């Protein structure tokens, strides 16, 4: 049986990331970037596709784990019949290196550990040349394949059936350090890291970042961890925000709904930007805007809905037959075919996010506002073009209602920038286009015969993305049309209390198979409940959703309610940012309720 998705914890140095199982196995590692080819790929294959396992030799050893405060320094406590030991796993945040450190620390008694290293570069397509380069006192092993090389230091590793293994004892008060460092194969082997310094500096950096979080409200621990996840998914050098650190974890176990999320979607990054700004991280807003300016520079007609971490455009989707997939869910994909799609909502999300940055104090530059004007020109030029929608359907393009609303939002933000922000632009023309979109949506995006907003023009289906309409100001949360839309969602999309994106049985997405409830959509429902007078239901649903996070606070894309397990890529930025927005909505609803109580009290006094 494969390791459950919820059993993985995240390590990050804000350039790349690793996924570590509860059993102490690093089953996914791509260096030096999130989207680099894997060197450990067991996550979407077997141990033969690469892993680094470190755990007690005792098969009955019991593990508990936690992060060291608001960091991504993972502490796994192992209890065995002979003693207790802890493993401290981290990717150091400093020095411009690409390191993974694993420190074993004896707590009581003596614990024997077993290390197994299976290096498979380039998505398990390259078995490396491995050689010993250290000394008896300081063993080191170097593995090389093509442009990639790593040096692994620690207990002496010995070859065993296309792997390298070691066993060692740790007594109370002792430490044994293991470290892996990636480097370009034409370079010299890097010097070992100072492990004490790396641990201290990494803990200090994450604590300093978390100390700036501005939030005092419900589910504070989950909110803090979610904001930390968003930072862990943000590339420090470029400012690009990846959607997840993994590829091809299945939405449909055993099926083909497996996608590569290690790229920067303009939509997801814009939503992440808004959440970070709401919690005091203006610097990150500036960095993302600079990333956007670089990525979309040039002809607006060439704008894509997603890019590589540094703004790369070539993200063509390919299948890796060398990897069998998570529990056989093939194919494993790299790249993403959605890069070729037109998704009309994206420019609206970007305009909303950039307005949020402006309102948070980010001054427009001689490039940033002209960029936004160019984006609006692109939206206008494609006004009558059907799209693939927020869910990136691979069926026929349509006029998706949420996409049309985001076109409305794009023009709305343009008008506001001129009339309220004092910027230059054709506000009158944008206003006419905004009004045209409003009339069109009210006529075709709302169906009087069924009494609710619809997924797409000409359809009577409902879609969870319609929950975003009040969020951008298209209508109030308590608009009767919106309330009836929620009733339709509860009837058609709720599954054991959690919300699907849409009904896959209609064939709208053009993909075989089914999927599980989408966690971000359920958090959007919390927002809708909280802002439309259903606070008790909002709080109950929020409690349930937060309880679905794994033992270290991480959420994947979807949740299998029958099997009680995570599904889809992990950790998912959209799930975590939706959690934060839902918590903010709950806190706002409590504030509004308190205001009403205060008003009622004053009224009774009179």
Protein backbone atom coordinates (compact mmCIF):
# COMPACT_ATOMS: atom_id res chain seq x y z
CA UNK A 1 0.00 0.00 0.00
CA UNK A 2 1.29 3.50 -0.76
CA UNK A 3 1.89 6.02 1.98
CA UNK A 4 -1.34 8.01 2.49
CA UNK A 5 -1.04 11.55 1.13
CA UNK A 6 -1.95 12.95 4.54
CA UNK A 7 1.08 11.19 6.05
CA UNK A 8 3.46 13.59 4.34
CA UNK A 9 5.03 16.63 6.00
CA UNK A 10 6.61 19.51 4.11
CA UNK A 11 10.18 20.80 4.28
CA UNK A 12 10.99 24.03 2.45
CA UNK A 13 13.84 26.47 2.01
CA UNK A 14 11.64 28.81 -0.10
CA UNK A 15 13.40 27.66 -3.25
CA UNK A 16 12.30 24.05 -3.30
CA UNK A 17 10.63 21.51 -1.04
CA UNK A 18 10.63 17.92 0.15
CA UNK A 19 7.83 15.63 1.30
CA UNK A 20 8.67 13.39 4.28
CA UNK A 21 6.47 10.47 5.29
CA UNK A 22 5.50 9.57 8.82
CA UNK A 23 7.87 6.61 8.43
CA UNK A 24 10.82 8.93 7.94
CA UNK A 25 11.14 8.56 4.17
CA UNK A 26 11.78 11.55 1.92
CA UNK A 27 9.76 10.34 -1.05
CA UNK A 28 9.73 13.57 -3.07
CA UNK A 29 12.63 15.97 -3.56
CA UNK A 30 13.37 18.26 -6.49
CA UNK A 31 16.50 20.43 -6.39
CA UNK A 32 17.33 23.21 -6.76
CA UNK A 33 13.77 24.44 -7.57
CA UNK A 34 10.24 23.24 -6.87
CA UNK A 35 9.87 22.33 -10.57
CA UNK A 36 13.28 20.69 -11.04
CA UNK A 37 13.33 17.00 -12.00
CA UNK A 38 12.97 14.75 -8.96
CA UNK A 39 15.85 12.86 -7.41
CA UNK A 40 13.51 11.07 -5.00
CA UNK A 41 10.30 10.09 -6.79
CA UNK A 42 8.80 7.28 -4.69
CA UNK A 43 5.79 9.54 -4.11
CA UNK A 44 4.56 8.73 -7.61
CA UNK A 45 6.16 5.32 -7.90
CA UNK A 46 7.90 2.87 -5.60
CA UNK A 47 11.07 2.91 -3.54
CA UNK A 48 12.94 2.03 -6.73
CA UNK A 49 12.12 5.49 -8.08
CA UNK A 50 14.13 7.16 -5.34
CA UNK A 51 13.83 7.86 -1.63
CA UNK A 52 15.87 8.62 1.49
CA UNK A 53 14.56 6.64 4.43
CA UNK A 54 15.74 7.12 8.01
CA UNK A 55 14.04 5.41 10.93
CA UNK A 56 14.75 3.03 13.82
CA UNK A 57 15.57 -0.54 12.88
CA UNK A 58 12.85 -1.66 15.30
CA UNK A 59 9.79 -2.36 13.10
CA UNK A 60 7.51 -1.65 16.06
CA UNK A 61 8.95 1.83 16.71
CA UNK A 62 6.22 4.43 17.26
CA UNK A 63 6.49 7.92 15.75
CA UNK A 64 4.93 11.24 16.66
CA UNK A 65 5.92 14.45 14.95
CA UNK A 66 5.53 18.20 15.01
CA UNK A 67 7.07 21.30 13.58
CA UNK A 68 9.38 23.23 15.87
CA UNK A 69 6.97 26.11 16.42
CA UNK A 70 6.01 28.25 13.39
CA UNK A 71 8.72 26.75 11.16
CA UNK A 72 9.24 23.94 8.69
CA UNK A 73 11.82 22.26 10.90
CA UNK A 74 10.22 18.84 11.44
CA UNK A 75 10.81 16.95 14.69
CA UNK A 76 9.88 13.26 14.67
CA UNK A 77 10.03 11.49 18.03
CA UNK A 78 10.65 7.76 17.85
CA UNK A 79 9.89 5.48 20.81
CA UNK A 80 11.33 1.97 20.74
CA UNK A 81 11.73 -0.88 23.19
CA UNK A 82 15.35 0.19 23.80
CA UNK A 83 15.05 3.95 23.97
CA UNK A 84 13.76 7.23 22.55
CA UNK A 85 15.32 9.39 19.85
CA UNK A 86 14.32 12.36 17.72
CA UNK A 87 15.02 13.10 14.06
CA UNK A 88 15.19 16.77 13.10
CA UNK A 89 14.58 17.28 9.36
CA UNK A 90 14.98 20.62 7.59
CA UNK A 91 15.98 22.41 4.43
CA UNK A 92 18.14 25.27 5.73
CA UNK A 93 17.02 28.75 4.81
CA UNK A 94 20.29 30.56 4.18
CA UNK A 95 23.52 30.62 2.25
CA UNK A 96 22.28 30.10 -1.29
CA UNK A 97 22.79 26.33 -1.01
CA UNK A 98 20.44 23.43 -1.66
CA UNK A 99 20.72 21.27 1.47
CA UNK A 100 18.66 18.74 3.36
CA UNK A 101 19.77 18.09 6.94
CA UNK A 102 18.68 15.18 9.11
CA UNK A 103 19.93 15.26 12.69
CA UNK A 104 19.35 12.22 14.92
CA UNK A 105 19.35 13.08 18.63
CA UNK A 106 19.31 10.51 21.43
CA UNK A 107 16.79 11.24 24.20
CA UNK A 108 16.94 8.13 26.39
CA UNK A 109 18.41 4.64 26.20
CA UNK A 110 19.96 3.63 22.89
CA UNK A 111 18.19 3.45 19.54
CA UNK A 112 19.54 1.72 16.45
CA UNK A 113 18.74 3.53 13.19
CA UNK A 114 18.73 2.29 9.62
CA UNK A 115 19.36 4.61 6.65
CA UNK A 116 18.47 3.69 3.08
CA UNK A 117 19.38 6.00 0.16
CA UNK A 118 18.10 5.39 -3.37
CA UNK A 119 19.12 8.21 -5.71
CA UNK A 120 17.28 8.44 -9.04
CA UNK A 121 17.90 11.69 -10.89
CA UNK A 122 15.69 13.16 -13.64
CA UNK A 123 12.38 11.62 -12.58
CA UNK A 124 14.00 8.20 -12.11
CA UNK A 125 15.33 8.20 -15.67
CA UNK A 126 18.98 8.47 -14.63
CA UNK A 127 20.77 6.01 -12.36
CA UNK A 128 23.77 7.96 -11.04
CA UNK A 129 27.45 7.19 -10.95
CA UNK A 130 28.25 6.94 -7.23
CA UNK A 131 31.64 7.14 -5.57
CA UNK A 132 33.07 7.48 -2.07
CA UNK A 133 35.07 10.70 -1.62
CA UNK A 134 35.32 11.15 2.15
CA UNK A 135 37.56 9.75 4.86
CA UNK A 136 37.05 7.20 7.59
CA UNK A 137 36.44 10.06 10.03
CA UNK A 138 34.21 12.05 7.64
CA UNK A 139 32.51 9.72 5.15
CA UNK A 140 31.02 11.32 2.03
CA UNK A 141 29.35 9.88 -1.01
CA UNK A 142 28.98 11.72 -4.33
CA UNK A 143 26.35 10.77 -6.91
CA UNK A 144 26.39 12.27 -10.42
CA UNK A 145 24.13 12.05 -13.46
CA UNK A 146 24.22 14.59 -16.28
CA UNK A 147 23.99 18.15 -14.88
CA UNK A 148 23.11 17.05 -11.35
CA UNK A 149 25.23 15.92 -8.45
CA UNK A 150 24.75 15.50 -4.72
CA UNK A 151 27.09 14.85 -1.84
CA UNK A 152 25.74 12.91 1.13
CA UNK A 153 27.55 13.04 4.45
CA UNK A 154 27.03 11.12 7.68
CA UNK A 155 27.51 7.49 8.66
CA UNK A 156 29.39 5.55 5.99
CA UNK A 157 26.98 4.25 3.34
CA UNK A 158 27.53 0.88 1.70
CA UNK A 159 26.18 -0.34 -1.62
CA UNK A 160 23.27 -2.77 -1.52
CA UNK A 161 21.12 -3.63 -4.57
CA UNK A 162 21.04 -0.23 -6.33
CA UNK A 163 20.81 1.54 -2.99
CA UNK A 164 23.17 2.59 -0.23
CA UNK A 165 22.52 1.77 3.40
CA UNK A 166 23.95 2.39 6.86
CA UNK A 167 23.07 1.41 10.42
CA UNK A 168 24.16 3.25 13.56
CA UNK A 169 23.33 3.61 17.24
CA UNK A 170 22.36 6.81 19.05
CA UNK A 171 22.51 6.94 22.83
CA UNK A 172 21.00 9.55 25.14
CA UNK A 173 22.71 12.91 24.67
CA UNK A 174 24.40 11.91 21.39
CA UNK A 175 23.74 13.35 17.94
CA UNK A 176 24.42 11.98 14.48
CA UNK A 177 24.16 14.38 11.55
CA UNK A 178 23.28 13.45 7.99
CA UNK A 179 23.27 16.00 5.20
CA UNK A 180 22.60 16.04 1.48
CA UNK A 181 23.79 18.90 -0.72
CA UNK A 182 22.88 19.35 -4.39
CA UNK A 183 25.38 20.99 -6.74
CA UNK A 184 25.95 21.32 -10.46
CA UNK A 185 28.01 18.38 -11.60
CA UNK A 186 30.69 20.52 -13.27
CA UNK A 187 31.37 22.31 -9.97
CA UNK A 188 33.51 21.26 -7.04
CA UNK A 189 31.98 19.33 -4.15
CA UNK A 190 30.62 21.90 -1.62
CA UNK A 191 31.96 22.05 1.89
CA UNK A 192 29.74 20.54 4.61
CA UNK A 193 27.17 22.78 6.22
CA UNK A 194 27.49 23.85 9.85
CA UNK A 195 24.50 21.91 11.15
CA UNK A 196 24.09 23.78 14.44
CA UNK A 197 24.19 27.10 12.65
CA UNK A 198 21.83 25.93 9.90
CA UNK A 199 19.23 24.74 12.41
CA UNK A 200 19.45 27.90 14.52
CA UNK A 201 19.30 30.28 11.57
CA UNK A 202 16.41 28.44 9.93
CA UNK A 203 14.34 28.40 13.12
CA UNK A 204 15.11 32.08 13.68
CA UNK A 205 14.12 33.04 10.11
CA UNK A 206 10.76 31.25 10.20
CA UNK A 207 9.97 32.60 13.67
CA UNK A 208 10.76 36.14 12.56
CA UNK A 209 8.49 35.78 9.52
CA UNK A 210 5.66 34.24 11.52
CA UNK A 211 6.02 36.96 14.15
CA UNK A 212 4.82 39.49 11.59
CA UNK A 213 1.50 37.72 11.02
CA UNK A 214 -1.39 39.99 11.89
CA UNK A 215 -4.20 37.67 13.02
CA UNK A 216 -6.08 37.16 16.25
CA UNK A 217 -9.19 35.12 15.59
CA UNK A 218 -10.72 31.67 15.30
CA UNK A 219 -8.51 28.69 14.41
CA UNK A 220 -5.38 30.78 14.88
CA UNK A 221 -2.99 27.80 14.75
CA UNK A 222 -4.46 26.66 11.42
CA UNK A 223 -4.34 30.20 10.02
CA UNK A 224 -0.71 30.66 11.05
CA UNK A 225 0.29 27.33 9.54
CA UNK A 226 -1.61 28.12 6.34
CA UNK A 227 0.16 31.45 5.94
CA UNK A 228 3.44 29.68 6.56
CA UNK A 229 2.58 27.19 3.81
CA UNK A 230 1.93 30.05 1.40
CA UNK A 231 5.35 31.47 2.24
CA UNK A 232 6.95 28.05 1.85
CA UNK A 233 5.48 27.85 -1.67
CA UNK A 234 6.85 31.28 -2.64
CA UNK A 235 10.20 31.23 -4.42
CA UNK A 236 12.43 33.63 -2.55
CA UNK A 237 14.58 34.69 -5.48
CA UNK A 238 11.84 35.28 -8.07
CA UNK A 239 8.67 35.89 -6.04
CA UNK A 240 6.77 33.22 -8.00
CA UNK A 241 4.15 31.33 -5.95
CA UNK A 242 3.67 27.66 -6.92
CA UNK A 243 0.28 26.00 -6.57
CA UNK A 244 1.75 22.91 -4.83
CA UNK A 245 5.09 21.13 -4.51
CA UNK A 246 4.00 17.85 -6.10
CA UNK A 247 2.92 16.49 -9.44
CA UNK A 248 0.34 13.87 -10.32
CA UNK A 249 -1.08 12.99 -6.92
CA UNK A 250 -4.49 11.75 -8.04
CA UNK A 251 -7.82 13.49 -7.68
CA UNK A 252 -9.38 10.16 -8.65
CA UNK A 253 -7.46 7.25 -7.08
CA UNK A 254 -6.42 4.88 -9.83
CA UNK A 255 -7.61 7.32 -12.50
CA UNK A 256 -6.11 9.82 -14.95
CA UNK A 257 -6.91 13.12 -13.18
CA UNK A 258 -3.27 13.70 -12.31
CA UNK A 259 -1.67 17.10 -12.92
CA UNK A 260 1.58 18.96 -12.34
CA UNK A 261 1.04 21.90 -9.95
CA UNK A 262 4.64 23.07 -9.53
CA UNK A 263 4.09 26.27 -11.48
CA UNK A 264 2.74 29.77 -10.97
CA UNK A 265 -0.91 30.28 -11.88
CA UNK A 266 -1.73 33.98 -12.14
CA UNK A 267 -5.08 33.30 -10.48
CA UNK A 268 -3.77 31.37 -7.48
CA UNK A 269 -0.86 33.74 -7.02
CA UNK A 270 -3.20 36.75 -7.11
CA UNK A 271 -5.44 35.19 -4.47
CA UNK A 272 -2.37 34.35 -2.36
CA UNK A 273 -1.19 37.93 -2.71
CA UNK A 274 -4.50 39.25 -1.36
CA UNK A 275 -4.33 36.95 1.66
CA UNK A 276 -0.73 37.90 2.45
CA UNK A 277 -1.54 41.61 2.12
CA UNK A 278 -4.53 41.20 4.43
CA UNK A 279 -2.16 39.89 7.08
CA UNK A 280 0.54 42.51 6.89
CA UNK A 281 2.94 41.16 4.25
CA UNK A 282 3.27 44.15 1.94
CA UNK A 283 6.84 43.24 0.93
CA UNK A 284 5.63 39.94 -0.53
CA UNK A 285 3.04 41.93 -2.48
CA UNK A 286 5.75 44.08 -3.99
CA UNK A 287 7.81 41.01 -4.89
CA UNK A 288 4.91 39.29 -6.62
CA UNK A 289 4.06 42.41 -8.61
CA UNK A 290 7.65 42.58 -9.81
CA UNK A 291 7.42 38.90 -10.79
CA UNK A 292 4.22 39.62 -12.73
CA UNK A 293 5.76 42.56 -14.58
CA UNK A 294 8.62 40.35 -15.73
CA UNK A 295 6.47 37.35 -16.61
CA UNK A 296 3.88 39.10 -18.77
CA UNK A 297 6.19 41.68 -20.32
CA UNK A 298 5.65 42.06 -24.06
CA UNK A 299 2.57 41.83 -26.23
CA UNK A 300 -0.60 41.38 -24.10
CA UNK A 301 -1.82 38.93 -26.73
CA UNK A 302 0.92 36.56 -25.54
CA UNK A 303 -0.20 36.54 -21.90
CA UNK A 304 -0.53 33.05 -20.43
CA UNK A 305 -2.62 31.89 -17.49
CA UNK A 306 0.45 30.29 -15.88
CA UNK A 307 4.24 30.48 -15.98
CA UNK A 308 7.32 28.83 -14.61
CA UNK A 309 8.81 30.01 -11.34
CA UNK A 310 11.01 32.60 -13.05
CA UNK A 311 8.41 33.45 -15.69
CA UNK A 312 9.22 30.65 -18.15
CA UNK A 313 6.59 30.16 -20.85
CA UNK A 314 7.36 26.68 -22.18
CA UNK A 315 5.37 24.40 -19.86
CA UNK A 316 4.25 21.86 -22.43
CA UNK A 317 2.59 18.85 -20.83
CA UNK A 318 4.42 15.54 -21.12
CA UNK A 319 3.86 12.05 -19.77
CA UNK A 320 6.57 10.17 -17.85
CA UNK A 321 6.11 6.44 -18.54
CA UNK A 322 9.09 5.71 -16.26
CA UNK A 323 6.95 6.57 -13.21
CA UNK A 324 3.94 4.30 -12.58
CA UNK A 325 2.03 6.87 -10.53
CA UNK A 326 0.75 7.06 -6.99
CA UNK A 327 -0.73 3.62 -6.32
CA UNK A 328 -0.83 3.06 -10.06
CA UNK A 329 -2.69 6.29 -10.90
CA UNK A 330 -1.15 6.93 -14.29
CA UNK A 331 -0.09 8.91 -16.16
CA UNK A 332 2.46 10.96 -14.26
CA UNK A 333 2.66 14.34 -15.96
CA UNK A 334 5.20 17.14 -16.03
CA UNK A 335 4.26 20.47 -17.49
CA UNK A 336 0.60 21.38 -17.74
CA UNK A 337 -1.60 21.55 -20.83
CA UNK A 338 -3.65 24.33 -19.25
CA UNK A 339 -0.86 26.69 -20.32
CA UNK A 340 -2.44 26.65 -23.80
CA UNK A 341 -5.90 27.54 -22.54
CA UNK A 342 -7.74 30.83 -22.47
CA UNK A 343 -9.20 31.34 -19.00
CA UNK A 344 -11.08 34.62 -18.97
CA UNK A 345 -11.26 34.93 -15.21
CA UNK A 346 -7.49 35.22 -14.77
CA UNK A 347 -7.10 38.86 -15.77
CA UNK A 348 -9.86 39.81 -13.36
CA UNK A 349 -8.06 38.03 -10.54
CA UNK A 350 -4.84 39.84 -11.45
CA UNK A 351 -6.56 43.24 -11.51
CA UNK A 352 -8.21 42.54 -8.14
CA UNK A 353 -4.89 41.47 -6.65
CA UNK A 354 -3.01 44.48 -7.99
CA UNK A 355 -5.68 46.81 -6.64
CA UNK A 356 -5.23 45.17 -3.23
CA UNK A 357 -1.47 45.81 -3.47
CA UNK A 358 -2.11 49.44 -4.40
CA UNK A 359 -4.49 49.92 -1.49
CA UNK A 360 -1.90 48.34 0.83
CA UNK A 361 0.59 51.03 -0.10
CA UNK A 362 2.39 49.64 -3.14
CA UNK A 363 2.89 52.65 -5.39
CA UNK A 364 2.31 52.26 -9.10
CA UNK A 365 5.46 52.54 -11.21
CA UNK A 366 5.92 53.70 -14.78
CA UNK A 367 5.62 50.02 -15.74
CA UNK A 368 2.96 48.63 -13.40
CA UNK A 369 -0.02 50.77 -14.36
CA UNK A 370 0.70 50.63 -18.11
CA UNK A 371 0.81 46.85 -17.67
CA UNK A 372 -2.67 46.89 -16.15
CA UNK A 373 -3.98 49.07 -18.97
CA UNK A 374 -2.50 46.61 -21.46
CA UNK A 375 -4.17 43.71 -19.65
CA UNK A 376 -7.53 45.49 -19.87
CA UNK A 377 -6.96 46.03 -23.58
CA UNK A 378 -6.37 42.28 -23.88
CA UNK A 379 -9.59 41.58 -21.97
CA UNK A 380 -11.51 43.94 -24.25
CA UNK A 381 -10.06 42.35 -27.38
CA UNK A 382 -11.20 38.90 -26.16
CA UNK A 383 -14.52 40.00 -24.71
CA UNK A 384 -16.66 37.66 -26.80
CA UNK A 385 -14.33 34.67 -26.62
CA UNK A 386 -15.52 31.57 -24.72
CA UNK A 387 -13.02 30.10 -22.28
CA UNK A 388 -12.02 26.99 -20.33
CA UNK A 389 -12.97 28.48 -16.97
CA UNK A 390 -11.44 28.50 -13.52
CA UNK A 391 -11.43 24.69 -13.43
CA UNK A 392 -9.42 24.39 -16.66
CA UNK A 393 -11.92 22.06 -18.29
CA UNK A 394 -10.62 20.08 -21.23
CA UNK A 395 -14.02 19.99 -22.87
CA UNK A 396 -15.40 22.63 -25.22
CA UNK A 397 -14.83 26.28 -24.18
CA UNK A 398 -17.97 28.00 -22.93
CA UNK A 399 -19.18 31.25 -21.46
CA UNK A 400 -18.64 30.33 -17.83
CA UNK A 401 -20.51 32.68 -15.54
CA UNK A 402 -17.68 33.10 -13.04
CA UNK A 403 -15.31 33.95 -15.88
CA UNK A 404 -17.71 36.59 -17.18
CA UNK A 405 -18.02 38.05 -13.68
CA UNK A 406 -14.24 38.32 -13.46
CA UNK A 407 -14.22 40.23 -16.75
CA UNK A 408 -16.71 42.57 -15.08
CA UNK A 409 -14.34 42.79 -12.09
CA UNK A 410 -11.36 43.62 -14.33
CA UNK A 411 -13.13 46.63 -15.83
CA UNK A 412 -14.53 47.60 -12.43
CA UNK A 413 -11.00 47.77 -10.97
CA UNK A 414 -9.85 49.79 -13.94
CA UNK A 415 -12.62 52.33 -13.43
CA UNK A 416 -11.87 52.57 -9.71
CA UNK A 417 -8.14 53.02 -10.33
CA UNK A 418 -8.88 56.09 -12.45
CA UNK A 419 -11.78 57.62 -10.54
CA UNK A 420 -10.68 56.83 -7.00
CA UNK A 421 -6.94 56.31 -7.40
CA UNK A 422 -6.19 59.22 -9.70
CA UNK A 423 -4.52 57.13 -12.43
CA UNK A 424 -4.94 57.86 -16.11
CA UNK A 425 -7.09 55.72 -18.37
CA UNK A 426 -10.29 55.55 -20.43
CA UNK A 427 -12.61 55.17 -17.45
CA UNK A 428 -15.74 56.00 -19.44
CA UNK A 429 -15.07 53.22 -21.95
CA UNK A 430 -14.24 50.75 -19.20
CA UNK A 431 -17.43 51.73 -17.40
CA UNK A 432 -19.50 51.03 -20.53
CA UNK A 433 -17.83 47.65 -20.87
CA UNK A 434 -18.41 46.91 -17.17
CA UNK A 435 -22.09 47.79 -17.54
CA UNK A 436 -22.36 45.69 -20.68
CA UNK A 437 -20.97 42.71 -18.81
CA UNK A 438 -23.36 43.28 -15.90
CA UNK A 439 -26.37 43.30 -18.22
CA UNK A 440 -25.13 40.20 -20.03
CA UNK A 441 -24.47 38.24 -16.82
CA UNK A 442 -27.78 39.17 -15.28
CA UNK A 443 -29.51 37.95 -18.44
CA UNK A 444 -27.52 34.80 -19.29
CA UNK A 445 -25.63 33.88 -16.12
CA UNK A 446 -28.80 33.76 -14.05
CA UNK A 447 -31.63 31.45 -15.06
CA UNK A 448 -35.08 32.54 -13.94
CA UNK A 449 -36.53 29.11 -14.63
CA UNK A 450 -34.33 27.45 -12.01
CA UNK A 451 -33.90 30.53 -9.83
CA UNK A 452 -30.12 30.63 -9.46
CA UNK A 453 -26.86 31.62 -11.12
CA UNK A 454 -25.63 28.92 -13.51
CA UNK A 455 -22.30 27.36 -14.31
CA UNK A 456 -22.31 28.57 -17.92
CA UNK A 457 -24.62 30.35 -20.30
CA UNK A 458 -27.32 28.00 -21.54
CA UNK A 459 -26.79 25.54 -18.70
CA UNK A 460 -28.91 24.95 -15.62
CA UNK A 461 -26.03 23.39 -13.70
CA UNK A 462 -24.56 25.04 -10.62
CA UNK A 463 -20.84 25.48 -9.93
CA UNK A 464 -18.96 26.17 -6.69
CA UNK A 465 -16.98 28.97 -8.37
CA UNK A 466 -20.19 31.02 -8.20
CA UNK A 467 -19.43 31.45 -4.50
CA UNK A 468 -16.76 33.94 -5.60
CA UNK A 469 -19.28 36.40 -7.05
CA UNK A 470 -19.84 38.28 -3.76
CA UNK A 471 -16.10 38.22 -3.04
CA UNK A 472 -15.37 40.55 -5.96
CA UNK A 473 -18.38 42.77 -5.33
CA UNK A 474 -20.62 41.59 -8.15
CA UNK A 475 -23.50 41.01 -5.73
CA UNK A 476 -24.07 40.92 -2.00
CA UNK A 477 -23.74 37.60 -0.15
CA UNK A 478 -27.38 37.94 0.89
CA UNK A 479 -28.65 38.80 -2.60
CA UNK A 480 -31.70 36.55 -3.05
CA UNK A 481 -30.21 35.19 -6.28
CA UNK A 482 -27.05 34.24 -4.40
CA UNK A 483 -28.99 32.62 -1.57
CA UNK A 484 -30.94 30.49 -4.05
CA UNK A 485 -27.68 29.57 -5.77
CA UNK A 486 -26.33 28.31 -2.45
CA UNK A 487 -29.47 26.21 -1.96
CA UNK A 488 -28.86 24.65 -5.38
CA UNK A 489 -25.24 23.92 -4.46
CA UNK A 490 -26.32 22.28 -1.22
CA UNK A 491 -28.70 20.12 -3.21
CA UNK A 492 -26.42 19.17 -6.11
CA UNK A 493 -22.81 19.53 -4.97
CA UNK A 494 -22.65 18.71 -1.26
CA UNK A 495 -21.28 15.26 -0.48
CA UNK A 496 -21.34 14.31 3.17
CA UNK A 497 -21.22 17.99 4.04
CA UNK A 498 -18.30 18.90 1.73
CA UNK A 499 -18.60 20.66 -1.61
CA UNK A 500 -17.69 19.42 -5.07
CA UNK A 501 -16.59 21.92 -7.70
CA UNK A 502 -19.28 20.78 -10.16
CA UNK A 503 -20.94 17.58 -11.27
CA UNK A 504 -18.45 15.60 -13.33
CA UNK A 505 -21.26 13.39 -14.61
CA UNK A 506 -22.31 16.16 -17.01
CA UNK A 507 -19.10 15.68 -18.98
CA UNK A 508 -18.37 19.41 -18.93
CA UNK A 509 -14.67 18.90 -18.16
CA UNK A 510 -14.00 16.37 -20.93
CA UNK A 511 -12.03 14.07 -18.60
CA UNK A 512 -12.99 10.51 -17.64
CA UNK A 513 -13.48 9.54 -14.02
CA UNK A 514 -14.69 11.46 -11.01
CA UNK A 515 -13.19 13.51 -8.21
CA UNK A 516 -13.66 14.16 -4.51
CA UNK A 517 -14.94 17.27 -2.71
CA UNK A 518 -12.65 20.23 -3.33
CA UNK A 519 -11.44 21.72 -0.06
CA UNK A 520 -11.13 25.32 -1.26
CA UNK A 521 -14.79 25.25 -2.37
CA UNK A 522 -15.90 24.13 1.07
CA UNK A 523 -13.95 27.01 2.63
CA UNK A 524 -15.66 29.36 0.16
CA UNK A 525 -18.96 28.02 1.46
CA UNK A 526 -17.84 28.92 5.00
CA UNK A 527 -17.28 32.49 3.76
CA UNK A 528 -20.69 32.58 2.14
CA UNK A 529 -22.42 31.28 5.27
CA UNK A 530 -20.53 33.72 7.49
CA UNK A 531 -21.39 36.74 5.38
CA UNK A 532 -25.04 35.88 4.77
CA UNK A 533 -26.25 35.40 8.34
CA UNK A 534 -25.56 31.68 8.78
CA UNK A 535 -22.75 32.07 11.28
CA UNK A 536 -23.46 28.92 13.27
CA UNK A 537 -23.34 26.75 10.15
CA UNK A 538 -20.20 28.59 9.04
CA UNK A 539 -18.48 27.84 12.35
CA UNK A 540 -19.52 24.18 12.26
CA UNK A 541 -18.26 23.68 8.71
CA UNK A 542 -15.03 25.50 9.51
CA UNK A 543 -14.43 23.25 12.52
CA UNK A 544 -14.90 20.19 10.35
CA UNK A 545 -12.64 21.43 7.58
CA UNK A 546 -9.84 22.42 9.94
CA UNK A 547 -10.02 18.95 11.48
CA UNK A 548 -9.19 17.48 8.05
CA UNK A 549 -5.66 18.92 8.14
CA UNK A 550 -3.02 16.32 8.86
CA UNK A 551 -1.05 16.08 12.09
CA UNK A 552 1.25 18.96 11.07
CA UNK A 553 -1.52 21.20 9.71
CA UNK A 554 -1.28 20.52 5.96
CA UNK A 555 -4.12 20.25 3.45
CA UNK A 556 -4.17 18.71 0.00
CA UNK A 557 -6.46 19.69 -2.86
CA UNK A 558 -9.39 17.35 -2.20
CA UNK A 559 -10.76 15.02 0.46
CA UNK A 560 -12.11 11.50 0.00
CA UNK A 561 -14.98 11.39 2.51
CA UNK A 562 -15.62 7.65 2.11
CA UNK A 563 -12.03 6.60 2.82
CA UNK A 564 -11.25 9.54 5.10
CA UNK A 565 -8.08 10.52 3.23
CA UNK A 566 -6.48 13.40 1.37
CA UNK A 567 -6.53 13.44 -2.43
CA UNK A 568 -4.73 15.49 -5.06
CA UNK A 569 -1.52 17.47 -4.89
CA UNK A 570 -0.19 18.58 -1.52
CA UNK A 571 0.17 20.91 0.23
CA UNK A 572 -2.21 22.95 -1.91
CA UNK A 573 -1.90 26.74 -1.88
CA UNK A 574 -5.54 27.24 -2.86
CA UNK A 575 -6.79 25.13 0.07
CA UNK A 576 -4.64 27.01 2.57
CA UNK A 577 -5.43 30.49 1.30
CA UNK A 578 -9.13 29.61 1.27
CA UNK A 579 -8.80 28.50 4.92
CA UNK A 580 -7.35 31.90 5.83
CA UNK A 581 -10.09 33.78 3.97
CA UNK A 582 -12.75 31.67 5.67
CA UNK A 583 -11.27 32.40 9.10
CA UNK A 584 -11.21 36.10 8.28
CA UNK A 585 -14.86 35.93 7.22
CA UNK A 586 -15.79 34.20 10.48
CA UNK A 587 -13.97 36.84 12.48
CA UNK A 588 -15.69 39.57 10.50
CA UNK A 589 -19.06 37.94 11.03
CA UNK A 590 -18.45 37.83 14.77
CA UNK A 591 -17.53 41.49 14.70
CA UNK A 592 -20.68 42.36 12.80
CA UNK A 593 -22.78 40.32 15.23
CA UNK A 594 -21.16 42.14 18.15
CA UNK A 595 -21.87 45.47 16.48
CA UNK A 596 -25.52 44.51 16.08
CA UNK A 597 -25.72 43.46 19.71
CA UNK A 598 -24.20 46.76 20.78
CA UNK A 599 -26.67 48.63 18.58
CA UNK A 600 -29.61 46.62 19.93
CA UNK A 601 -28.47 47.35 23.47
CA UNK A 602 -28.25 51.06 22.83
CA UNK A 603 -31.67 50.99 21.16
CA UNK A 604 -33.24 49.28 24.19
CA UNK A 605 -31.64 51.87 26.48
CA UNK A 606 -33.41 54.56 24.52
